[in-house]
Amino acid sequence: MGLLVTALYKMRSLRPIIQFRNLQVPVSGAHVSRTVWKHLWKGGYERPEIEAVLALLRPNDRILELGSGIGIVSGVAGKSDPSVTIETYEANPALLPAIEELHRLNELSNIHPKNAVLLPDAVEGDTISFNLHENFTESSIQPVESNHSTEVCVQNFQNIFDSFSPDIMICDIEGGEAQLFMDFYLKGLRALVIELHPNLISRRDIKQVYEVCREANMYPRIDLSERQVEVFERVD
């Protein structure tokens, strides 16, 4: 299987579009690694996050996504229900053209991508170093093995959260959750789907994620959580 995947990956320019769930996904770009291509081809890319979001989704929901990647998770959600509105933030500026191409190809007008890092104590005009890994899924504001870094605009998380008023938040920011879940209130949020990265953050940082959710009356959905993907939903 490994040799077959490698051969097909090398010939992906002959099949530049993969049908993944309800999306047509461009895969010929240099940003699509062999690992990412394999998971798209086999249908398992970001499966726990996608299945959790689809299970939680309601008509007219507002979704805030932190860590767009190449736009697959929010793309599947936006395509599954055109009534939802999604605001998505990606720190890696090189991925914005890929996200926009995905939206164009799938006629997704209800998703609005932005290039920024959201932090609770950010001041307008601030930037932060974002460490770029050859595999985009491992890039992070945390110290990681990287080829180089780039300065990215920082925006205040609480301001964005309060003005957008999301029903669901998706968070996959490669350890950035340690800085994010510090001092804010998830007012009005119904559900959180977050991938935790215990290889990059401490147990105390993970405890803080749980504390922020508890303060918002959100508790784990064990039936939707899997591996490092934790799902929280408000209990009224």
C-alpha atoms as a PDB file:
ATOM      1  CA  MET A   1       0.000   0.000   0.000  1.00  0.00           C
ATOM      2  CA  GLY A   2       2.846   2.370   0.821  1.00  0.00           C
ATOM      3  CA  LEU A   3       4.389   2.025  -2.648  1.00  0.00           C
ATOM      4  CA  LEU A   4       0.988   2.543  -4.274  1.00  0.00           C
ATOM      5  CA  VAL A   5       0.331   5.702  -2.236  1.00  0.00           C
ATOM      6  CA  THR A   6       3.769   7.066  -3.106  1.00  0.00           C
ATOM      7  CA  ALA A   7       3.274   6.356  -6.816  1.00  0.00           C
ATOM      8  CA  LEU A   8      -0.193   7.935  -6.902  1.00  0.00           C
ATOM      9  CA  TYR A   9       1.011  10.928  -4.900  1.00  0.00           C
ATOM     10  CA  LYS A  10       3.842  11.565  -7.356  1.00  0.00           C
ATOM     11  CA  MET A  11       1.331  11.426 -10.234  1.00  0.00           C
ATOM     12  CA  ARG A  12      -1.242  13.673  -8.540  1.00  0.00           C
ATOM     13  CA  SER A  13      -0.834  16.333 -11.240  1.00  0.00           C
ATOM     14  CA  LEU A  14      -2.703  13.900 -13.533  1.00  0.00           C
ATOM     15  CA  ARG A  15      -5.589  13.918 -11.061  1.00  0.00           C
ATOM     16  CA  PRO A  16      -5.392  17.378  -9.503  1.00  0.00           C
ATOM     17  CA  ILE A  17      -8.812  17.137  -7.807  1.00  0.00           C
ATOM     18  CA  ILE A  18      -9.832  14.579  -5.167  1.00  0.00           C
ATOM     19  CA  GLN A  19     -13.466  14.060  -4.228  1.00  0.00           C
ATOM     20  CA  PHE A  20     -13.492  14.154  -0.421  1.00  0.00           C
ATOM     21  CA  ARG A  21     -16.879  13.799   1.253  1.00  0.00           C
ATOM     22  CA  ASN A  22     -18.971  16.623  -0.252  1.00  0.00           C
ATOM     23  CA  LEU A  23     -15.986  18.615  -1.544  1.00  0.00           C
ATOM     24  CA  GLN A  24     -13.764  18.747  -4.582  1.00  0.00           C
ATOM     25  CA  VAL A  25     -10.282  19.322  -3.175  1.00  0.00           C
ATOM     26  CA  PRO A  26      -7.341  20.634  -5.249  1.00  0.00           C
ATOM     27  CA  VAL A  27      -4.274  18.539  -4.378  1.00  0.00           C
ATOM     28  CA  SER A  28      -1.615  19.369  -6.969  1.00  0.00           C
ATOM     29  CA  GLY A  29      -0.018  22.213  -4.984  1.00  0.00           C
ATOM     30  CA  ALA A  30       3.285  21.899  -3.150  1.00  0.00           C
ATOM     31  CA  HIS A  31       1.491  22.526   0.174  1.00  0.00           C
ATOM     32  CA  VAL A  32      -0.197  19.087  -0.049  1.00  0.00           C
ATOM     33  CA  SER A  33       2.232  16.609   1.502  1.00  0.00           C
ATOM     34  CA  ARG A  34       2.146  12.875   0.895  1.00  0.00           C
ATOM     35  CA  THR A  35       0.569  12.353   4.323  1.00  0.00           C
ATOM     36  CA  VAL A  36      -2.181  14.915   3.741  1.00  0.00           C
ATOM     37  CA  TRP A  37      -2.829  13.543   0.235  1.00  0.00           C
ATOM     38  CA  LYS A  38      -3.072   9.972   1.583  1.00  0.00           C
ATOM     39  CA  HIS A  39      -5.641  10.902   4.227  1.00  0.00           C
ATOM     40  CA  LEU A  40      -7.710  12.828   1.684  1.00  0.00           C
ATOM     41  CA  TRP A  41      -7.530   9.953  -0.814  1.00  0.00           C
ATOM     42  CA  LYS A  42      -8.496   7.361   1.817  1.00  0.00           C
ATOM     43  CA  GLY A  43     -11.264   9.604   3.213  1.00  0.00           C
ATOM     44  CA  GLY A  44      -9.973   9.901   6.770  1.00  0.00           C
ATOM     45  CA  TYR A  45      -8.595  13.435   6.780  1.00  0.00           C
ATOM     46  CA  GLU A  46      -9.564  15.213  10.047  1.00  0.00           C
ATOM     47  CA  ARG A  47     -12.335  12.633  10.534  1.00  0.00           C
ATOM     48  CA  PRO A  48     -12.956  13.147  14.293  1.00  0.00           C
ATOM     49  CA  GLU A  49     -13.319  16.925  13.895  1.00  0.00           C
ATOM     50  CA  ILE A  50     -15.542  16.659  10.834  1.00  0.00           C
ATOM     51  CA  GLU A  51     -17.884  14.068  12.320  1.00  0.00           C
ATOM     52  CA  ALA A  52     -18.178  16.022  15.573  1.00  0.00           C
ATOM     53  CA  VAL A  53     -18.989  19.284  13.784  1.00  0.00           C
ATOM     54  CA  LEU A  54     -21.571  17.633  11.544  1.00  0.00           C
ATOM     55  CA  ALA A  55     -23.229  16.012  14.578  1.00  0.00           C
ATOM     56  CA  LEU A  56     -23.442  19.369  16.366  1.00  0.00           C
ATOM     57  CA  LEU A  57     -24.424  21.547  13.414  1.00  0.00           C
ATOM     58  CA  ARG A  58     -27.826  23.258  13.350  1.00  0.00           C
ATOM     59  CA  PRO A  59     -29.391  25.468  10.638  1.00  0.00           C
ATOM     60  CA  ASN A  60     -28.170  29.088  10.670  1.00  0.00           C
ATOM     61  CA  ASP A  61     -25.301  28.329  13.035  1.00  0.00           C
ATOM     62  CA  ARG A  62     -22.370  30.711  13.229  1.00  0.00           C
ATOM     63  CA  ILE A  63     -19.023  28.896  13.335  1.00  0.00           C
ATOM     64  CA  LEU A  64     -15.672  30.366  14.370  1.00  0.00           C
ATOM     65  CA  GLU A  65     -12.708  28.267  13.230  1.00  0.00           C
ATOM     66  CA  LEU A  66      -9.150  28.801  14.447  1.00  0.00           C
ATOM     67  CA  GLY A  67      -6.612  26.963  12.318  1.00  0.00           C
ATOM     68  CA  SER A  68      -8.162  26.600   8.868  1.00  0.00           C
ATOM     69  CA  GLY A  69      -5.383  24.461   7.408  1.00  0.00           C
ATOM     70  CA  ILE A  70      -6.411  24.081   3.767  1.00  0.00           C
ATOM     71  CA  GLY A  71     -10.059  24.692   4.641  1.00  0.00           C
ATOM     72  CA  ILE A  72     -11.381  21.132   4.685  1.00  0.00           C
ATOM     73  CA  VAL A  73     -13.217  21.007   8.040  1.00  0.00           C
ATOM     74  CA  SER A  74     -15.022  24.318   7.611  1.00  0.00           C
ATOM     75  CA  GLY A  75     -15.526  23.525   3.919  1.00  0.00           C
ATOM     76  CA  VAL A  76     -17.373  20.297   4.693  1.00  0.00           C
ATOM     77  CA  ALA A  77     -19.521  22.105   7.275  1.00  0.00           C
ATOM     78  CA  GLY A  78     -20.277  25.030   4.978  1.00  0.00           C
ATOM     79  CA  LYS A  79     -21.131  22.758   2.065  1.00  0.00           C
ATOM     80  CA  SER A  80     -23.373  20.523   4.172  1.00  0.00           C
ATOM     81  CA  ASP A  81     -25.593  23.454   5.167  1.00  0.00           C
ATOM     82  CA  PRO A  82     -25.483  26.697   3.147  1.00  0.00           C
ATOM     83  CA  SER A  83     -27.460  28.476   5.901  1.00  0.00           C
ATOM     84  CA  VAL A  84     -24.458  28.485   8.277  1.00  0.00           C
ATOM     85  CA  THR A  85     -21.951  31.350   8.419  1.00  0.00           C
ATOM     86  CA  ILE A  86     -18.289  30.550   9.055  1.00  0.00           C
ATOM     87  CA  GLU A  87     -15.445  32.879   9.953  1.00  0.00           C
ATOM     88  CA  THR A  88     -12.112  31.071   9.778  1.00  0.00           C
ATOM     89  CA  TYR A  89      -8.599  32.175  10.747  1.00  0.00           C
ATOM     90  CA  GLU A  90      -5.352  30.682   9.443  1.00  0.00           C
ATOM     91  CA  ALA A  91      -1.921  31.857  10.580  1.00  0.00           C
ATOM     92  CA  ASN A  92       0.030  30.543   7.575  1.00  0.00           C
ATOM     93  CA  PRO A  93      -0.311  33.157   4.806  1.00  0.00           C
ATOM     94  CA  ALA A  94       0.823  30.652   2.164  1.00  0.00           C
ATOM     95  CA  LEU A  95      -2.362  28.611   2.703  1.00  0.00           C
ATOM     96  CA  LEU A  96      -4.839  31.416   1.992  1.00  0.00           C
ATOM     97  CA  PRO A  97      -4.719  30.935  -1.831  1.00  0.00           C
ATOM     98  CA  ALA A  98      -5.419  27.202  -1.363  1.00  0.00           C
ATOM     99  CA  ILE A  99      -8.379  27.949   0.912  1.00  0.00           C
ATOM    100  CA  GLU A 100      -9.772  30.494  -1.537  1.00  0.00           C
ATOM    101  CA  GLU A 101      -9.357  28.029  -4.430  1.00  0.00           C
ATOM    102  CA  LEU A 102     -11.238  25.373  -2.446  1.00  0.00           C
ATOM    103  CA  HIS A 103     -14.076  27.857  -1.849  1.00  0.00           C
ATOM    104  CA  ARG A 104     -14.168  28.884  -5.509  1.00  0.00           C
ATOM    105  CA  LEU A 105     -14.197  25.304  -6.761  1.00  0.00           C
ATOM    106  CA  ASN A 106     -17.044  24.345  -4.403  1.00  0.00           C
ATOM    107  CA  GLU A 107     -18.993  27.620  -4.648  1.00  0.00           C
ATOM    108  CA  LEU A 108     -18.681  28.278  -0.920  1.00  0.00           C
ATOM    109  CA  SER A 109     -19.778  31.862  -0.306  1.00  0.00           C
ATOM    110  CA  ASN A 110     -20.718  31.367   3.356  1.00  0.00           C
ATOM    111  CA  ILE A 111     -17.112  30.952   4.580  1.00  0.00           C
ATOM    112  CA  HIS A 112     -14.873  33.962   5.199  1.00  0.00           C
ATOM    113  CA  PRO A 113     -11.134  33.191   5.595  1.00  0.00           C
ATOM    114  CA  LYS A 114      -8.677  35.572   7.265  1.00  0.00           C
ATOM    115  CA  ASN A 115      -4.930  35.491   7.888  1.00  0.00           C
ATOM    116  CA  ALA A 116      -4.285  36.187  11.585  1.00  0.00           C
ATOM    117  CA  VAL A 117      -3.485  34.657  14.960  1.00  0.00           C
ATOM    118  CA  LEU A 118      -6.073  35.265  17.687  1.00  0.00           C
ATOM    119  CA  LEU A 119      -4.822  35.772  21.240  1.00  0.00           C
ATOM    120  CA  PRO A 120      -6.672  36.984  24.360  1.00  0.00           C
ATOM    121  CA  ASP A 121      -4.240  39.810  25.174  1.00  0.00           C
ATOM    122  CA  ALA A 122      -3.522  41.009  21.624  1.00  0.00           C
ATOM    123  CA  VAL A 123      -3.205  44.710  20.884  1.00  0.00           C
ATOM    124  CA  GLU A 124      -3.996  46.176  17.477  1.00  0.00           C
ATOM    125  CA  GLY A 125      -0.851  46.291  15.351  1.00  0.00           C
ATOM    126  CA  ASP A 126       0.891  43.430  17.176  1.00  0.00           C
ATOM    127  CA  THR A 127       2.533  40.567  15.286  1.00  0.00           C
ATOM    128  CA  ILE A 128       3.815  37.158  16.351  1.00  0.00           C
ATOM    129  CA  SER A 129       6.385  34.781  14.881  1.00  0.00           C
ATOM    130  CA  PHE A 130       4.751  31.774  13.252  1.00  0.00           C
ATOM    131  CA  ASN A 131       7.073  28.795  12.769  1.00  0.00           C
ATOM    132  CA  LEU A 132       6.580  27.171   9.366  1.00  0.00           C
ATOM    133  CA  HIS A 133       7.096  23.410   9.045  1.00  0.00           C
ATOM    134  CA  GLU A 134       7.456  21.696   5.664  1.00  0.00           C
ATOM    135  CA  ASN A 135       4.245  19.847   6.570  1.00  0.00           C
ATOM    136  CA  PHE A 136       1.754  22.686   7.145  1.00  0.00           C
ATOM    137  CA  THR A 137      -0.150  20.659   9.749  1.00  0.00           C
ATOM    138  CA  GLU A 138       2.834  20.976  12.116  1.00  0.00           C
ATOM    139  CA  SER A 139       3.389  24.743  11.807  1.00  0.00           C
ATOM    140  CA  SER A 140       2.808  26.604  15.072  1.00  0.00           C
ATOM    141  CA  ILE A 141       3.404  29.660  17.215  1.00  0.00           C
ATOM    142  CA  GLN A 142       4.946  27.165  19.645  1.00  0.00           C
ATOM    143  CA  PRO A 143       8.644  26.257  19.267  1.00  0.00           C
ATOM    144  CA  VAL A 144       8.717  23.460  16.677  1.00  0.00           C
ATOM    145  CA  GLU A 145      11.221  22.132  14.173  1.00  0.00           C
ATOM    146  CA  SER A 146      10.746  24.492  11.251  1.00  0.00           C
ATOM    147  CA  ASN A 147      12.390  25.685   8.065  1.00  0.00           C
ATOM    148  CA  HIS A 148      11.747  29.346   8.837  1.00  0.00           C
ATOM    149  CA  SER A 149       9.248  31.674  10.483  1.00  0.00           C
ATOM    150  CA  THR A 150       7.060  34.549   9.370  1.00  0.00           C
ATOM    151  CA  GLU A 151       5.506  37.464  11.216  1.00  0.00           C
ATOM    152  CA  VAL A 152       1.705  37.231  11.366  1.00  0.00           C
ATOM    153  CA  CYS A 153      -0.850  39.836  12.428  1.00  0.00           C
ATOM    154  CA  VAL A 154      -2.352  39.237  15.869  1.00  0.00           C
ATOM    155  CA  GLN A 155      -5.976  40.076  16.659  1.00  0.00           C
ATOM    156  CA  ASN A 156      -7.764  40.150  19.989  1.00  0.00           C
ATOM    157  CA  PHE A 157      -9.673  36.903  20.453  1.00  0.00           C
ATOM    158  CA  GLN A 158     -12.310  38.240  22.830  1.00  0.00           C
ATOM    159  CA  ASN A 159     -13.145  41.134  20.504  1.00  0.00           C
ATOM    160  CA  ILE A 160     -13.530  38.792  17.529  1.00  0.00           C
ATOM    161  CA  PHE A 161     -15.539  36.293  19.582  1.00  0.00           C
ATOM    162  CA  ASP A 162     -17.894  38.908  21.015  1.00  0.00           C
ATOM    163  CA  SER A 163     -18.527  40.632  17.674  1.00  0.00           C
ATOM    164  CA  PHE A 164     -19.112  37.382  15.755  1.00  0.00           C
ATOM    165  CA  SER A 165     -21.073  35.559  18.521  1.00  0.00           C
ATOM    166  CA  PRO A 166     -20.408  31.985  17.357  1.00  0.00           C
ATOM    167  CA  ASP A 167     -22.563  28.992  18.198  1.00  0.00           C
ATOM    168  CA  ILE A 168     -19.730  26.529  17.511  1.00  0.00           C
ATOM    169  CA  MET A 169     -15.971  27.002  17.714  1.00  0.00           C
ATOM    170  CA  ILE A 170     -13.428  24.728  16.008  1.00  0.00           C
ATOM    171  CA  CYS A 171      -9.841  24.956  17.234  1.00  0.00           C
ATOM    172  CA  ASP A 172      -6.800  23.134  15.826  1.00  0.00           C
ATOM    173  CA  ILE A 173      -3.795  25.416  16.291  1.00  0.00           C
ATOM    174  CA  GLU A 174      -0.910  23.042  17.037  1.00  0.00           C
ATOM    175  CA  GLY A 175      -0.287  23.952  20.654  1.00  0.00           C
ATOM    176  CA  GLY A 176      -1.451  27.550  20.340  1.00  0.00           C
ATOM    177  CA  GLU A 177      -4.336  26.606  22.612  1.00  0.00           C
ATOM    178  CA  ALA A 178      -1.923  27.103  25.529  1.00  0.00           C
ATOM    179  CA  GLN A 179      -1.796  30.859  24.845  1.00  0.00           C
ATOM    180  CA  LEU A 180      -5.396  31.123  23.698  1.00  0.00           C
ATOM    181  CA  PHE A 181      -7.203  29.594  26.682  1.00  0.00           C
ATOM    182  CA  MET A 182      -5.962  32.013  29.305  1.00  0.00           C
ATOM    183  CA  ASP A 183      -8.362  34.806  30.158  1.00  0.00           C
ATOM    184  CA  PHE A 184     -11.665  34.977  28.299  1.00  0.00           C
ATOM    185  CA  TYR A 185     -15.274  33.880  28.543  1.00  0.00           C
ATOM    186  CA  LEU A 186     -17.022  31.781  25.899  1.00  0.00           C
ATOM    187  CA  LYS A 187     -20.322  33.605  26.317  1.00  0.00           C
ATOM    188  CA  GLY A 188     -23.155  32.097  24.299  1.00  0.00           C
ATOM    189  CA  LEU A 189     -21.035  29.324  22.768  1.00  0.00           C
ATOM    190  CA  ARG A 190     -22.972  26.072  22.391  1.00  0.00           C
ATOM    191  CA  ALA A 191     -20.124  23.741  21.458  1.00  0.00           C
ATOM    192  CA  LEU A 192     -16.358  23.556  21.123  1.00  0.00           C
ATOM    193  CA  VAL A 193     -14.427  21.067  18.977  1.00  0.00           C
ATOM    194  CA  ILE A 194     -10.737  21.286  19.852  1.00  0.00           C
ATOM    195  CA  GLU A 195      -7.692  19.193  19.034  1.00  0.00           C
ATOM    196  CA  LEU A 196      -5.305  19.192  21.975  1.00  0.00           C
ATOM    197  CA  HIS A 197      -1.561  18.718  21.483  1.00  0.00           C
ATOM    198  CA  PRO A 198      -0.049  17.179  24.646  1.00  0.00           C
ATOM    199  CA  ASN A 199       3.317  16.897  22.894  1.00  0.00           C
ATOM    200  CA  LEU A 200       3.457  20.713  22.716  1.00  0.00           C
ATOM    201  CA  ILE A 201       1.579  21.909  25.810  1.00  0.00           C
ATOM    202  CA  SER A 202       1.526  20.976  29.494  1.00  0.00           C
ATOM    203  CA  ARG A 203      -1.116  19.197  31.538  1.00  0.00           C
ATOM    204  CA  ARG A 204      -1.721  22.517  33.285  1.00  0.00           C
ATOM    205  CA  ASP A 205      -2.497  24.086  29.891  1.00  0.00           C
ATOM    206  CA  ILE A 206      -4.955  21.274  29.144  1.00  0.00           C
ATOM    207  CA  LYS A 207      -6.553  21.774  32.563  1.00  0.00           C
ATOM    208  CA  GLN A 208      -7.059  25.449  31.668  1.00  0.00           C
ATOM    209  CA  VAL A 209      -8.995  24.462  28.534  1.00  0.00           C
ATOM    210  CA  TYR A 210     -11.334  22.402  30.704  1.00  0.00           C
ATOM    211  CA  GLU A 211     -11.660  25.259  33.231  1.00  0.00           C
ATOM    212  CA  VAL A 212     -12.642  27.782  30.530  1.00  0.00           C
ATOM    213  CA  CYS A 213     -15.262  25.352  29.231  1.00  0.00           C
ATOM    214  CA  ARG A 214     -16.588  24.654  32.725  1.00  0.00           C
ATOM    215  CA  GLU A 215     -17.003  28.385  33.360  1.00  0.00           C
ATOM    216  CA  ALA A 216     -19.140  28.542  30.202  1.00  0.00           C
ATOM    217  CA  ASN A 217     -21.199  25.559  31.440  1.00  0.00           C
ATOM    218  CA  MET A 218     -19.771  23.324  28.702  1.00  0.00           C
ATOM    219  CA  TYR A 219     -18.888  19.724  29.468  1.00  0.00           C
ATOM    220  CA  PRO A 220     -17.323  16.890  27.453  1.00  0.00           C
ATOM    221  CA  ARG A 221     -19.309  14.980  24.858  1.00  0.00           C
ATOM    222  CA  ILE A 222     -17.611  11.629  25.327  1.00  0.00           C
ATOM    223  CA  ASP A 223     -19.566  10.129  22.427  1.00  0.00           C
ATOM    224  CA  LEU A 224     -18.115  12.664  19.978  1.00  0.00           C
ATOM    225  CA  SER A 225     -14.571  12.936  21.381  1.00  0.00           C
ATOM    226  CA  GLU A 226     -11.834  10.771  19.901  1.00  0.00           C
ATOM    227  CA  ARG A 227      -8.071  10.559  20.299  1.00  0.00           C
ATOM    228  CA  GLN A 228      -6.805  14.105  20.912  1.00  0.00           C
ATOM    229  CA  VAL A 229     -10.000  15.741  19.658  1.00  0.00           C
ATOM    230  CA  GLU A 230     -12.123  16.861  22.599  1.00  0.00           C
ATOM    231  CA  VAL A 231     -15.726  17.988  22.165  1.00  0.00           C
ATOM    232  CA  PHE A 232     -17.541  20.158  24.694  1.00  0.00           C
ATOM    233  CA  GLU A 233     -21.206  21.143  24.616  1.00  0.00           C
ATOM    234  CA  ARG A 234     -23.173  23.513  26.821  1.00  0.00           C
ATOM    235  CA  VAL A 235     -25.444  21.933  29.404  1.00  0.00           C
ATOM    236  CA  ASP A 236     -28.442  24.228  30.053  1.00  0.00           C
END
